Each structure stands twice: as C-alpha cells, then as structure tokens.
N, C-alpha and C. Protein backbone atom coordinates (compact mmCIF):
# COMPACT_ATOMS: atom_id res chain seq x y z
N MET A 1 -26.93 18.64 -6.66
CA MET A 1 -26.62 18.33 -8.05
C MET A 1 -25.75 17.08 -8.12
N LEU A 2 -26.08 16.19 -9.00
CA LEU A 2 -25.31 14.97 -9.18
C LEU A 2 -24.05 15.26 -9.99
N ILE A 3 -22.97 14.57 -9.65
CA ILE A 3 -21.73 14.72 -10.39
C ILE A 3 -21.87 14.09 -11.77
N LEU A 4 -22.51 12.95 -11.82
CA LEU A 4 -22.68 12.22 -13.08
C LEU A 4 -24.13 12.27 -13.53
N LYS A 5 -24.32 12.43 -14.83
CA LYS A 5 -25.68 12.39 -15.38
C LYS A 5 -26.01 10.95 -15.74
N TRP A 6 -27.14 10.49 -15.28
CA TRP A 6 -27.57 9.12 -15.58
C TRP A 6 -28.65 9.20 -16.65
N GLU A 7 -28.21 9.20 -17.91
CA GLU A 7 -29.13 9.25 -19.05
C GLU A 7 -29.26 7.86 -19.64
N LYS A 8 -30.47 7.52 -19.99
CA LYS A 8 -30.71 6.21 -20.62
C LYS A 8 -29.99 6.12 -21.96
N SER A 9 -29.49 4.93 -22.24
CA SER A 9 -28.76 4.68 -23.48
C SER A 9 -29.63 3.89 -24.44
N ASP A 10 -29.38 4.08 -25.73
CA ASP A 10 -30.09 3.28 -26.74
C ASP A 10 -29.53 1.86 -26.79
N GLU A 11 -28.29 1.72 -26.35
CA GLU A 11 -27.64 0.42 -26.33
C GLU A 11 -28.12 -0.37 -25.12
N LYS A 12 -28.58 -1.55 -25.31
CA LYS A 12 -29.12 -2.38 -24.22
C LYS A 12 -28.12 -3.45 -23.81
N PHE A 13 -27.95 -3.62 -22.53
CA PHE A 13 -27.04 -4.64 -22.01
C PHE A 13 -27.50 -6.03 -22.41
N GLN A 14 -28.80 -6.23 -22.42
CA GLN A 14 -29.36 -7.54 -22.75
C GLN A 14 -29.03 -7.97 -24.19
N GLU A 15 -28.75 -7.00 -25.05
CA GLU A 15 -28.45 -7.30 -26.45
C GLU A 15 -26.99 -7.67 -26.69
N LEU A 16 -26.16 -7.52 -25.67
CA LEU A 16 -24.75 -7.86 -25.82
C LEU A 16 -24.58 -9.38 -25.90
N THR A 17 -23.46 -9.79 -26.47
CA THR A 17 -23.18 -11.23 -26.55
C THR A 17 -22.86 -11.76 -25.16
N LEU A 18 -22.93 -13.06 -25.01
CA LEU A 18 -22.64 -13.69 -23.72
C LEU A 18 -21.20 -13.40 -23.31
N LYS A 19 -20.29 -13.42 -24.27
CA LYS A 19 -18.88 -13.13 -23.99
C LYS A 19 -18.72 -11.71 -23.44
N ALA A 20 -19.40 -10.75 -24.04
CA ALA A 20 -19.34 -9.36 -23.59
C ALA A 20 -19.92 -9.20 -22.19
N LYS A 21 -20.99 -9.93 -21.90
CA LYS A 21 -21.59 -9.88 -20.56
C LYS A 21 -20.62 -10.42 -19.52
N PHE A 22 -19.97 -11.55 -19.84
CA PHE A 22 -18.99 -12.11 -18.90
C PHE A 22 -17.80 -11.17 -18.72
N LEU A 23 -17.39 -10.51 -19.79
CA LEU A 23 -16.30 -9.55 -19.70
C LEU A 23 -16.68 -8.40 -18.77
N HIS A 24 -17.91 -7.92 -18.86
CA HIS A 24 -18.37 -6.86 -17.96
C HIS A 24 -18.39 -7.35 -16.52
N LEU A 25 -18.86 -8.56 -16.29
CA LEU A 25 -18.90 -9.13 -14.94
C LEU A 25 -17.49 -9.28 -14.38
N PHE A 26 -16.59 -9.82 -15.20
CA PHE A 26 -15.20 -9.99 -14.77
C PHE A 26 -14.57 -8.64 -14.45
N SER A 27 -14.80 -7.65 -15.31
CA SER A 27 -14.27 -6.30 -15.08
C SER A 27 -14.82 -5.69 -13.81
N PHE A 28 -16.11 -5.91 -13.57
CA PHE A 28 -16.73 -5.40 -12.35
C PHE A 28 -16.04 -5.98 -11.12
N LEU A 29 -15.83 -7.29 -11.12
CA LEU A 29 -15.17 -7.94 -9.99
C LEU A 29 -13.73 -7.46 -9.84
N LEU A 30 -13.01 -7.38 -10.94
CA LEU A 30 -11.62 -6.96 -10.93
C LEU A 30 -11.47 -5.53 -10.38
N PHE A 31 -12.26 -4.61 -10.90
CA PHE A 31 -12.15 -3.22 -10.45
C PHE A 31 -12.69 -3.03 -9.03
N SER A 32 -13.64 -3.84 -8.61
CA SER A 32 -14.11 -3.79 -7.22
C SER A 32 -13.01 -4.24 -6.27
N ILE A 33 -12.31 -5.30 -6.64
CA ILE A 33 -11.19 -5.78 -5.82
C ILE A 33 -10.07 -4.74 -5.80
N PHE A 34 -9.80 -4.13 -6.94
CA PHE A 34 -8.77 -3.10 -7.03
C PHE A 34 -9.13 -1.91 -6.14
N THR A 35 -10.39 -1.51 -6.15
CA THR A 35 -10.85 -0.41 -5.30
C THR A 35 -10.67 -0.76 -3.82
N ALA A 36 -11.09 -1.95 -3.43
CA ALA A 36 -10.95 -2.39 -2.04
C ALA A 36 -9.48 -2.47 -1.63
N THR A 37 -8.63 -2.94 -2.53
CA THR A 37 -7.20 -3.04 -2.24
C THR A 37 -6.59 -1.67 -2.02
N LEU A 38 -6.94 -0.70 -2.86
CA LEU A 38 -6.42 0.65 -2.68
C LEU A 38 -6.86 1.25 -1.35
N LEU A 39 -8.11 1.01 -0.99
CA LEU A 39 -8.61 1.50 0.31
C LEU A 39 -7.85 0.85 1.46
N TYR A 40 -7.62 -0.45 1.36
CA TYR A 40 -6.89 -1.17 2.42
C TYR A 40 -5.44 -0.69 2.52
N LEU A 41 -4.76 -0.52 1.39
CA LEU A 41 -3.38 -0.05 1.41
C LEU A 41 -3.28 1.36 2.00
N SER A 42 -4.23 2.21 1.65
CA SER A 42 -4.25 3.56 2.21
C SER A 42 -4.47 3.52 3.72
N TYR A 43 -5.36 2.64 4.15
CA TYR A 43 -5.62 2.46 5.58
C TYR A 43 -4.33 2.06 6.30
N ILE A 44 -3.62 1.08 5.75
CA ILE A 44 -2.36 0.65 6.35
C ILE A 44 -1.37 1.80 6.37
N GLY A 45 -1.27 2.53 5.26
CA GLY A 45 -0.34 3.64 5.18
C GLY A 45 -0.61 4.71 6.22
N VAL A 46 -1.87 4.99 6.46
CA VAL A 46 -2.21 6.02 7.44
C VAL A 46 -1.98 5.50 8.87
N PHE A 47 -2.51 4.33 9.18
CA PHE A 47 -2.47 3.87 10.56
C PHE A 47 -1.17 3.21 10.97
N LYS A 48 -0.37 2.72 10.03
CA LYS A 48 0.90 2.11 10.41
C LYS A 48 2.07 3.07 10.25
N HIS A 49 1.95 4.04 9.33
CA HIS A 49 3.09 4.89 9.04
C HIS A 49 2.88 6.35 9.43
N LEU A 50 1.74 6.92 9.08
CA LEU A 50 1.52 8.33 9.42
C LEU A 50 1.19 8.51 10.90
N LEU A 51 0.34 7.64 11.43
CA LEU A 51 0.01 7.68 12.85
C LEU A 51 0.88 6.64 13.55
N LEU A 52 2.03 7.06 13.99
CA LEU A 52 3.07 6.18 14.50
C LEU A 52 2.69 5.55 15.84
N ASP A 53 2.88 4.26 15.93
CA ASP A 53 2.74 3.54 17.20
C ASP A 53 4.15 3.40 17.76
N SER A 54 4.53 4.27 18.69
CA SER A 54 5.91 4.31 19.17
C SER A 54 6.27 3.15 20.10
N ARG A 55 5.33 2.23 20.36
CA ARG A 55 5.66 1.05 21.16
C ARG A 55 6.38 0.01 20.33
N ARG A 56 6.31 0.12 19.02
CA ARG A 56 6.97 -0.85 18.15
C ARG A 56 8.47 -0.61 18.13
N PHE A 57 9.22 -1.70 18.06
CA PHE A 57 10.67 -1.62 18.08
C PHE A 57 11.24 -1.54 16.66
N TYR A 58 10.56 -2.20 15.74
CA TYR A 58 11.01 -2.30 14.34
C TYR A 58 9.91 -1.74 13.46
N ILE A 59 10.26 -0.79 12.59
CA ILE A 59 9.26 -0.23 11.69
C ILE A 59 9.81 -0.29 10.26
N SER A 60 9.05 -0.94 9.41
CA SER A 60 9.37 -0.99 7.99
C SER A 60 8.36 -0.08 7.31
N GLU A 61 8.82 1.08 6.85
CA GLU A 61 7.86 2.07 6.34
C GLU A 61 8.11 2.43 4.90
N THR A 62 7.05 2.88 4.29
CA THR A 62 7.13 3.44 2.94
C THR A 62 6.12 4.58 2.83
N GLY A 63 6.50 5.62 2.16
CA GLY A 63 5.61 6.76 1.98
C GLY A 63 4.63 6.59 0.83
N LEU A 64 4.61 5.39 0.22
CA LEU A 64 3.75 5.16 -0.94
C LEU A 64 2.34 4.74 -0.58
N LEU A 65 2.14 4.17 0.60
CA LEU A 65 0.84 3.55 0.90
C LEU A 65 -0.27 4.56 1.16
N ALA A 66 -0.03 5.52 2.03
CA ALA A 66 -1.10 6.47 2.37
C ALA A 66 -1.61 7.24 1.14
N PRO A 67 -0.72 7.72 0.25
CA PRO A 67 -1.22 8.43 -0.93
C PRO A 67 -1.89 7.55 -1.98
N ALA A 68 -1.88 6.24 -1.80
CA ALA A 68 -2.52 5.34 -2.78
C ALA A 68 -4.00 5.66 -2.95
N ILE A 69 -4.58 6.34 -2.00
CA ILE A 69 -6.00 6.71 -2.07
C ILE A 69 -6.27 7.58 -3.30
N PHE A 70 -5.25 8.29 -3.77
CA PHE A 70 -5.43 9.17 -4.92
C PHE A 70 -5.58 8.41 -6.24
N PHE A 71 -5.28 7.11 -6.24
CA PHE A 71 -5.52 6.28 -7.43
C PHE A 71 -6.96 5.77 -7.47
N LEU A 72 -7.71 6.01 -6.43
CA LEU A 72 -9.06 5.48 -6.30
C LEU A 72 -10.04 5.88 -7.40
N PRO A 73 -9.98 7.10 -7.96
CA PRO A 73 -10.98 7.45 -8.98
C PRO A 73 -11.04 6.50 -10.16
N PHE A 74 -9.89 5.99 -10.61
CA PHE A 74 -9.91 5.12 -11.79
C PHE A 74 -10.73 3.85 -11.56
N PRO A 75 -10.40 3.00 -10.59
CA PRO A 75 -11.21 1.78 -10.45
C PRO A 75 -12.63 2.06 -9.99
N PHE A 76 -12.81 3.09 -9.15
CA PHE A 76 -14.15 3.40 -8.65
C PHE A 76 -15.09 3.78 -9.79
N PHE A 77 -14.64 4.68 -10.67
CA PHE A 77 -15.51 5.10 -11.77
C PHE A 77 -15.64 4.03 -12.85
N MET A 78 -14.68 3.12 -12.92
CA MET A 78 -14.86 1.96 -13.81
C MET A 78 -16.00 1.09 -13.30
N VAL A 79 -16.07 0.90 -11.99
CA VAL A 79 -17.17 0.13 -11.39
C VAL A 79 -18.50 0.83 -11.66
N VAL A 80 -18.52 2.16 -11.47
CA VAL A 80 -19.74 2.93 -11.72
C VAL A 80 -20.15 2.80 -13.19
N ALA A 81 -19.18 2.88 -14.10
CA ALA A 81 -19.49 2.77 -15.54
C ALA A 81 -20.06 1.40 -15.88
N ILE A 82 -19.53 0.37 -15.27
CA ILE A 82 -20.05 -0.98 -15.53
C ILE A 82 -21.48 -1.12 -15.01
N ILE A 83 -21.73 -0.56 -13.84
CA ILE A 83 -23.10 -0.58 -13.29
C ILE A 83 -24.04 0.18 -14.23
N GLN A 84 -23.58 1.34 -14.70
CA GLN A 84 -24.40 2.10 -15.65
C GLN A 84 -24.68 1.30 -16.91
N LYS A 85 -23.67 0.62 -17.41
CA LYS A 85 -23.83 -0.18 -18.63
C LYS A 85 -24.84 -1.30 -18.42
N VAL A 86 -24.76 -1.97 -17.27
CA VAL A 86 -25.69 -3.08 -16.97
C VAL A 86 -27.13 -2.58 -16.91
N PHE A 87 -27.33 -1.38 -16.37
CA PHE A 87 -28.69 -0.85 -16.24
C PHE A 87 -29.07 0.08 -17.40
N ASN A 88 -28.35 -0.04 -18.50
CA ASN A 88 -28.66 0.65 -19.75
C ASN A 88 -28.58 2.17 -19.67
N TYR A 89 -27.55 2.68 -19.01
CA TYR A 89 -27.29 4.12 -18.97
C TYR A 89 -26.05 4.44 -19.79
N LYS A 90 -25.94 5.68 -20.23
CA LYS A 90 -24.78 6.13 -20.99
C LYS A 90 -23.57 6.23 -20.05
N ILE A 91 -22.41 5.88 -20.58
CA ILE A 91 -21.21 5.89 -19.74
C ILE A 91 -20.19 6.94 -20.18
N ASP A 92 -20.51 7.74 -21.19
CA ASP A 92 -19.56 8.73 -21.71
C ASP A 92 -19.13 9.74 -20.64
N GLN A 93 -20.10 10.30 -19.93
CA GLN A 93 -19.80 11.29 -18.89
C GLN A 93 -18.95 10.69 -17.78
N THR A 94 -19.24 9.45 -17.44
CA THR A 94 -18.48 8.78 -16.38
C THR A 94 -17.02 8.63 -16.80
N PHE A 95 -16.78 8.24 -18.05
CA PHE A 95 -15.40 8.09 -18.52
C PHE A 95 -14.66 9.42 -18.55
N LYS A 96 -15.34 10.48 -18.98
CA LYS A 96 -14.70 11.80 -18.99
C LYS A 96 -14.34 12.23 -17.57
N PHE A 97 -15.28 12.03 -16.65
CA PHE A 97 -15.04 12.40 -15.26
C PHE A 97 -13.92 11.53 -14.66
N MET A 98 -13.90 10.25 -15.02
CA MET A 98 -12.85 9.34 -14.53
C MET A 98 -11.48 9.81 -15.00
N ILE A 99 -11.37 10.21 -16.26
CA ILE A 99 -10.09 10.66 -16.79
C ILE A 99 -9.62 11.93 -16.08
N LYS A 100 -10.54 12.88 -15.87
CA LYS A 100 -10.19 14.12 -15.18
C LYS A 100 -9.73 13.85 -13.74
N THR A 101 -10.54 13.08 -13.00
CA THR A 101 -10.20 12.84 -11.60
C THR A 101 -8.96 11.95 -11.46
N SER A 102 -8.77 11.03 -12.38
CA SER A 102 -7.58 10.17 -12.33
C SER A 102 -6.32 10.98 -12.61
N THR A 103 -6.39 11.91 -13.54
CA THR A 103 -5.25 12.77 -13.84
C THR A 103 -4.88 13.61 -12.63
N ILE A 104 -5.87 14.19 -11.99
CA ILE A 104 -5.63 14.97 -10.78
C ILE A 104 -5.09 14.06 -9.68
N GLY A 105 -5.67 12.87 -9.56
CA GLY A 105 -5.24 11.92 -8.54
C GLY A 105 -3.80 11.49 -8.70
N ILE A 106 -3.37 11.26 -9.93
CA ILE A 106 -1.98 10.87 -10.18
C ILE A 106 -1.03 11.99 -9.77
N ALA A 107 -1.37 13.22 -10.12
CA ALA A 107 -0.53 14.36 -9.73
C ALA A 107 -0.47 14.48 -8.21
N LEU A 108 -1.61 14.36 -7.55
CA LEU A 108 -1.63 14.43 -6.09
C LEU A 108 -0.85 13.28 -5.46
N PHE A 109 -0.91 12.10 -6.06
CA PHE A 109 -0.16 10.95 -5.55
C PHE A 109 1.33 11.25 -5.52
N PHE A 110 1.87 11.75 -6.63
CA PHE A 110 3.31 12.00 -6.69
C PHE A 110 3.75 13.11 -5.75
N VAL A 111 2.93 14.13 -5.59
CA VAL A 111 3.25 15.19 -4.63
C VAL A 111 3.18 14.63 -3.20
N SER A 112 2.16 13.83 -2.93
CA SER A 112 1.95 13.29 -1.59
C SER A 112 3.03 12.30 -1.17
N ILE A 113 3.63 11.60 -2.12
CA ILE A 113 4.70 10.67 -1.78
C ILE A 113 5.80 11.41 -1.02
N PHE A 114 6.22 12.54 -1.56
CA PHE A 114 7.30 13.29 -0.93
C PHE A 114 6.88 13.86 0.42
N VAL A 115 5.68 14.40 0.46
CA VAL A 115 5.18 14.97 1.72
C VAL A 115 5.09 13.89 2.79
N CYS A 116 4.50 12.75 2.45
CA CYS A 116 4.36 11.65 3.41
C CYS A 116 5.71 11.11 3.84
N SER A 117 6.62 10.94 2.90
CA SER A 117 7.95 10.42 3.24
C SER A 117 8.68 11.34 4.21
N PHE A 118 8.66 12.64 3.92
CA PHE A 118 9.33 13.58 4.82
C PHE A 118 8.66 13.61 6.19
N TYR A 119 7.34 13.59 6.21
CA TYR A 119 6.62 13.60 7.48
C TYR A 119 6.93 12.35 8.30
N ILE A 120 6.87 11.19 7.66
CA ILE A 120 7.11 9.93 8.36
C ILE A 120 8.53 9.91 8.92
N GLU A 121 9.51 10.30 8.10
CA GLU A 121 10.90 10.30 8.54
C GLU A 121 11.11 11.25 9.72
N ALA A 122 10.56 12.44 9.63
CA ALA A 122 10.70 13.41 10.73
C ALA A 122 10.03 12.90 12.00
N ASN A 123 8.88 12.29 11.85
CA ASN A 123 8.14 11.76 13.00
C ASN A 123 8.91 10.61 13.66
N LEU A 124 9.50 9.74 12.85
CA LEU A 124 10.29 8.63 13.40
C LEU A 124 11.51 9.15 14.14
N LYS A 125 12.20 10.12 13.57
CA LYS A 125 13.37 10.70 14.24
C LYS A 125 12.97 11.38 15.54
N LYS A 126 11.84 12.05 15.51
CA LYS A 126 11.34 12.73 16.71
C LYS A 126 11.07 11.74 17.85
N HIS A 127 10.63 10.53 17.49
CA HIS A 127 10.34 9.51 18.49
C HIS A 127 11.56 8.63 18.80
N GLY A 128 12.74 9.01 18.32
CA GLY A 128 13.98 8.32 18.68
C GLY A 128 14.35 7.11 17.83
N TYR A 129 13.73 6.95 16.68
CA TYR A 129 14.06 5.81 15.82
C TYR A 129 15.30 6.13 14.98
N THR A 130 16.05 5.08 14.63
CA THR A 130 17.26 5.20 13.83
C THR A 130 17.08 4.43 12.53
N TYR A 131 17.51 5.04 11.44
CA TYR A 131 17.43 4.39 10.13
C TYR A 131 18.48 3.28 10.05
N CYS A 132 18.10 2.12 9.50
CA CYS A 132 19.02 0.98 9.37
C CYS A 132 19.00 0.49 7.92
N SER A 133 20.09 0.72 7.21
CA SER A 133 20.14 0.31 5.80
C SER A 133 20.47 -1.17 5.62
N TRP A 134 20.96 -1.83 6.65
CA TRP A 134 21.36 -3.24 6.51
C TRP A 134 20.18 -4.17 6.32
N TYR A 135 19.01 -3.80 6.78
CA TYR A 135 17.86 -4.70 6.72
C TYR A 135 16.95 -4.43 5.53
N LYS A 136 17.42 -3.61 4.60
CA LYS A 136 16.63 -3.36 3.38
C LYS A 136 16.92 -4.47 2.38
N PHE A 137 15.88 -4.90 1.67
CA PHE A 137 16.05 -5.96 0.67
C PHE A 137 16.68 -5.41 -0.61
N SER A 138 16.29 -4.21 -0.97
CA SER A 138 16.78 -3.57 -2.19
C SER A 138 16.94 -2.09 -1.87
N PRO A 139 18.02 -1.46 -2.34
CA PRO A 139 18.23 -0.06 -1.99
C PRO A 139 17.17 0.90 -2.52
N THR A 140 16.46 0.53 -3.56
CA THR A 140 15.50 1.47 -4.14
C THR A 140 14.04 1.08 -3.94
N ARG A 141 13.73 -0.21 -3.94
CA ARG A 141 12.32 -0.61 -3.96
C ARG A 141 11.77 -1.04 -2.60
N SER A 142 12.62 -1.45 -1.70
CA SER A 142 12.09 -1.97 -0.44
C SER A 142 11.81 -0.85 0.54
N PRO A 143 10.94 -1.11 1.52
CA PRO A 143 10.62 -0.09 2.52
C PRO A 143 11.84 0.26 3.37
N ASP A 144 11.85 1.46 3.91
CA ASP A 144 12.90 1.85 4.84
C ASP A 144 12.69 1.16 6.17
N VAL A 145 13.80 0.83 6.82
CA VAL A 145 13.74 0.13 8.10
C VAL A 145 14.24 1.07 9.18
N TRP A 146 13.45 1.18 10.25
CA TRP A 146 13.79 2.03 11.38
C TRP A 146 13.74 1.20 12.65
N LEU A 147 14.72 1.42 13.53
CA LEU A 147 14.80 0.68 14.79
C LEU A 147 14.83 1.66 15.95
N LYS A 148 14.30 1.22 17.08
CA LYS A 148 14.28 2.07 18.26
C LYS A 148 15.66 2.18 18.90
N ASP A 149 16.52 1.19 18.66
CA ASP A 149 17.87 1.17 19.22
C ASP A 149 18.84 0.84 18.10
N SER A 150 19.79 1.73 17.84
CA SER A 150 20.72 1.55 16.72
C SER A 150 21.64 0.34 16.90
N ARG A 151 21.80 -0.15 18.12
CA ARG A 151 22.66 -1.32 18.35
C ARG A 151 22.12 -2.56 17.64
N PHE A 152 20.82 -2.57 17.34
CA PHE A 152 20.20 -3.73 16.70
C PHE A 152 20.39 -3.74 15.17
N CYS A 153 21.00 -2.70 14.65
CA CYS A 153 21.26 -2.62 13.20
C CYS A 153 22.59 -3.31 12.93
N LEU A 154 22.53 -4.59 12.64
CA LEU A 154 23.73 -5.42 12.48
C LEU A 154 23.98 -5.75 11.02
N LYS A 155 25.22 -5.54 10.60
CA LYS A 155 25.61 -5.82 9.21
C LYS A 155 25.39 -7.29 8.86
N GLU A 156 25.62 -8.17 9.82
CA GLU A 156 25.46 -9.61 9.58
C GLU A 156 24.02 -9.97 9.21
N GLY A 157 23.08 -9.16 9.63
CA GLY A 157 21.67 -9.43 9.37
C GLY A 157 21.22 -9.09 7.97
N ALA A 158 22.08 -8.45 7.19
CA ALA A 158 21.71 -8.03 5.83
C ALA A 158 21.38 -9.22 4.94
N ILE A 159 22.09 -10.32 5.14
CA ILE A 159 21.90 -11.50 4.29
C ILE A 159 20.57 -12.19 4.60
N VAL A 160 20.13 -12.10 5.84
CA VAL A 160 18.88 -12.75 6.26
C VAL A 160 17.86 -11.71 6.69
N ALA A 161 17.76 -10.62 5.94
CA ALA A 161 16.92 -9.48 6.31
C ALA A 161 15.45 -9.86 6.49
N LEU A 162 14.95 -10.75 5.65
CA LEU A 162 13.55 -11.17 5.76
C LEU A 162 13.31 -11.91 7.08
N ASP A 163 14.24 -12.77 7.45
CA ASP A 163 14.13 -13.49 8.73
C ASP A 163 14.21 -12.52 9.90
N VAL A 164 15.10 -11.54 9.79
CA VAL A 164 15.25 -10.54 10.86
C VAL A 164 13.96 -9.74 11.00
N GLU A 165 13.35 -9.38 9.87
CA GLU A 165 12.08 -8.65 9.92
C GLU A 165 11.02 -9.46 10.65
N LYS A 166 10.91 -10.74 10.33
CA LYS A 166 9.93 -11.61 11.01
C LYS A 166 10.23 -11.71 12.50
N TRP A 167 11.51 -11.77 12.84
CA TRP A 167 11.91 -11.85 14.25
C TRP A 167 11.46 -10.60 15.01
N PHE A 168 11.72 -9.44 14.42
CA PHE A 168 11.29 -8.19 15.06
C PHE A 168 9.77 -8.09 15.14
N GLU A 169 9.08 -8.47 14.07
CA GLU A 169 7.61 -8.41 14.08
C GLU A 169 7.03 -9.34 15.14
N TYR A 170 7.63 -10.49 15.32
CA TYR A 170 7.18 -11.41 16.37
C TYR A 170 7.28 -10.73 17.73
N HIS A 171 8.41 -10.10 17.99
CA HIS A 171 8.60 -9.41 19.27
C HIS A 171 7.64 -8.23 19.43
N ASP A 172 7.45 -7.46 18.36
CA ASP A 172 6.52 -6.33 18.41
C ASP A 172 5.09 -6.79 18.67
N ASN A 173 4.67 -7.85 17.99
CA ASN A 173 3.30 -8.35 18.15
C ASN A 173 3.05 -8.92 19.54
N LYS A 174 4.08 -9.53 20.12
CA LYS A 174 3.94 -10.10 21.47
C LYS A 174 4.17 -9.06 22.57
N GLY A 175 4.69 -7.89 22.19
CA GLY A 175 4.97 -6.85 23.18
C GLY A 175 6.23 -7.15 23.99
N ILE A 176 7.11 -7.99 23.43
CA ILE A 176 8.35 -8.38 24.10
C ILE A 176 9.48 -7.48 23.60
N GLU A 177 10.23 -6.90 24.52
CA GLU A 177 11.36 -6.09 24.10
C GLU A 177 12.49 -7.01 23.64
N PRO A 178 12.98 -6.83 22.42
CA PRO A 178 14.03 -7.72 21.92
C PRO A 178 15.35 -7.50 22.65
N GLN A 179 16.15 -8.56 22.71
CA GLN A 179 17.47 -8.50 23.34
C GLN A 179 18.53 -8.65 22.25
N LEU A 180 19.59 -7.86 22.37
CA LEU A 180 20.64 -7.85 21.36
C LEU A 180 21.31 -9.22 21.22
N ASP A 181 21.59 -9.88 22.34
CA ASP A 181 22.22 -11.20 22.29
C ASP A 181 21.34 -12.21 21.56
N GLU A 182 20.03 -12.16 21.82
CA GLU A 182 19.09 -13.06 21.14
C GLU A 182 19.11 -12.83 19.63
N LEU A 183 19.17 -11.56 19.23
CA LEU A 183 19.20 -11.24 17.80
C LEU A 183 20.46 -11.78 17.15
N LYS A 184 21.61 -11.63 17.82
CA LYS A 184 22.87 -12.13 17.27
C LYS A 184 22.82 -13.64 17.09
N VAL A 185 22.28 -14.35 18.08
CA VAL A 185 22.15 -15.81 17.99
C VAL A 185 21.20 -16.17 16.85
N PHE A 186 20.10 -15.44 16.76
CA PHE A 186 19.12 -15.71 15.70
C PHE A 186 19.73 -15.52 14.31
N ILE A 187 20.48 -14.43 14.13
CA ILE A 187 21.10 -14.16 12.83
C ILE A 187 22.11 -15.26 12.47
N THR A 188 22.92 -15.67 13.44
CA THR A 188 23.89 -16.74 13.21
C THR A 188 23.19 -18.03 12.79
N LYS A 189 22.12 -18.37 13.50
CA LYS A 189 21.36 -19.58 13.19
C LYS A 189 20.72 -19.49 11.79
N ALA A 190 20.12 -18.34 11.47
CA ALA A 190 19.46 -18.15 10.17
C ALA A 190 20.47 -18.22 9.03
N ARG A 191 21.66 -17.68 9.25
CA ARG A 191 22.70 -17.73 8.21
C ARG A 191 23.19 -19.16 7.99
N LYS A 192 23.30 -19.93 9.08
CA LYS A 192 23.72 -21.33 8.95
C LYS A 192 22.68 -22.13 8.17
N GLU A 193 21.40 -21.88 8.47
CA GLU A 193 20.32 -22.60 7.78
C GLU A 193 20.32 -22.30 6.28
N GLN A 194 20.74 -21.09 5.92
CA GLN A 194 20.78 -20.71 4.51
C GLN A 194 22.14 -21.02 3.88
N GLY A 195 23.06 -21.55 4.68
CA GLY A 195 24.39 -21.91 4.17
C GLY A 195 25.26 -20.71 3.86
N ARG A 196 25.14 -19.67 4.66
CA ARG A 196 25.94 -18.44 4.41
C ARG A 196 26.84 -18.14 5.58
C-alpha cells in the first residue's frame, strides 16, 4: 500500500504563469538542498559524535546533529509535493502527511537531543576525555569541547579558541600527538597576532 495517493488534479502545471513555474523550480532546488543538508548533518552527528573515534585528541561535540534526521519529513515531502504538482497530481494528501510526520519529527528531535547529549557525554567520559569550558566560543550556543588530557585546557586559550580548535584539528588530522609546550607557544603567538 502506498503512503501517498497519487490522484490526478484538474489543475495543470502547464497553465501556471511563468513566475509560478520558476517559483516551483526554485522551491524544488531549495528543499532538495535542505534535505541533503539534513542528511549530511545527521551523518556527521552519528559518525563524529555518537560513534566515537577515540584516537582524536580534541573533540568539539554537539548533541544536535544526529537527531537532525527527524526534521527530514518537512523538506522531503515538500520536494514530493512539488514533483506531484509538476506532473499534475493532487498535493493535499502530501501536505497533510507532511504536517503529521513533521510534528512527530519535531517531538522526536527534542527528545533525542537530550538522549544523544547524555550518551555522547557518558561515552566521552568512559574513554577518558575531559570537558574544557575555556575553548567554547559561547556558553550556550557553541559545541562542547572535550580533550584527552586535561593539561591542555588552558585559560589563556579562551581568547583565541578558534585558533586553538584549528591547531588541535591539524594535529588530529595528521595523527600527531600534540605537545603542551607547543600549545602554549601557539597560544602566545596567536594572542600577539590578535593584539591581546
């Protein structure tokens, strides 16, 4: 049984104005990109945060990415509705189904944020990571920062947190274990460059 009924519509796409046709095309592209973006963010959330790679020294995590998949019904069914409209099918059922699934998806998203955050935090602690508040950009909106060694959580690095993040990511990507003395020199240099 199909979830959506594909019934022919009396309204023809060919009869729409040129402006309306371009609006449908633009909407199709926009919602397709939005769908792909949600899938990509969920992929990152699962593979970077839920499935922990314990070889990394610096982890900037957020519990928001993996549950982003629950927002998928809205853009996905908008794309389906536009396709139906182009091929002269009724879109009423699709919109009703989109509203129902989006409402459920939003509820699941908010529940999953807490579940994912608690799971990620417990998993990081289990693997020996330490929370570092000095490298956060904003206390409420930025991702949490976790380090494999608490000695690397330096108060001086708070002013140049973005540079410190890039420094750690460089070391993680190269597979080089960072040295505390190198980090201190780097922070001093970055602060001088910024005049702080």
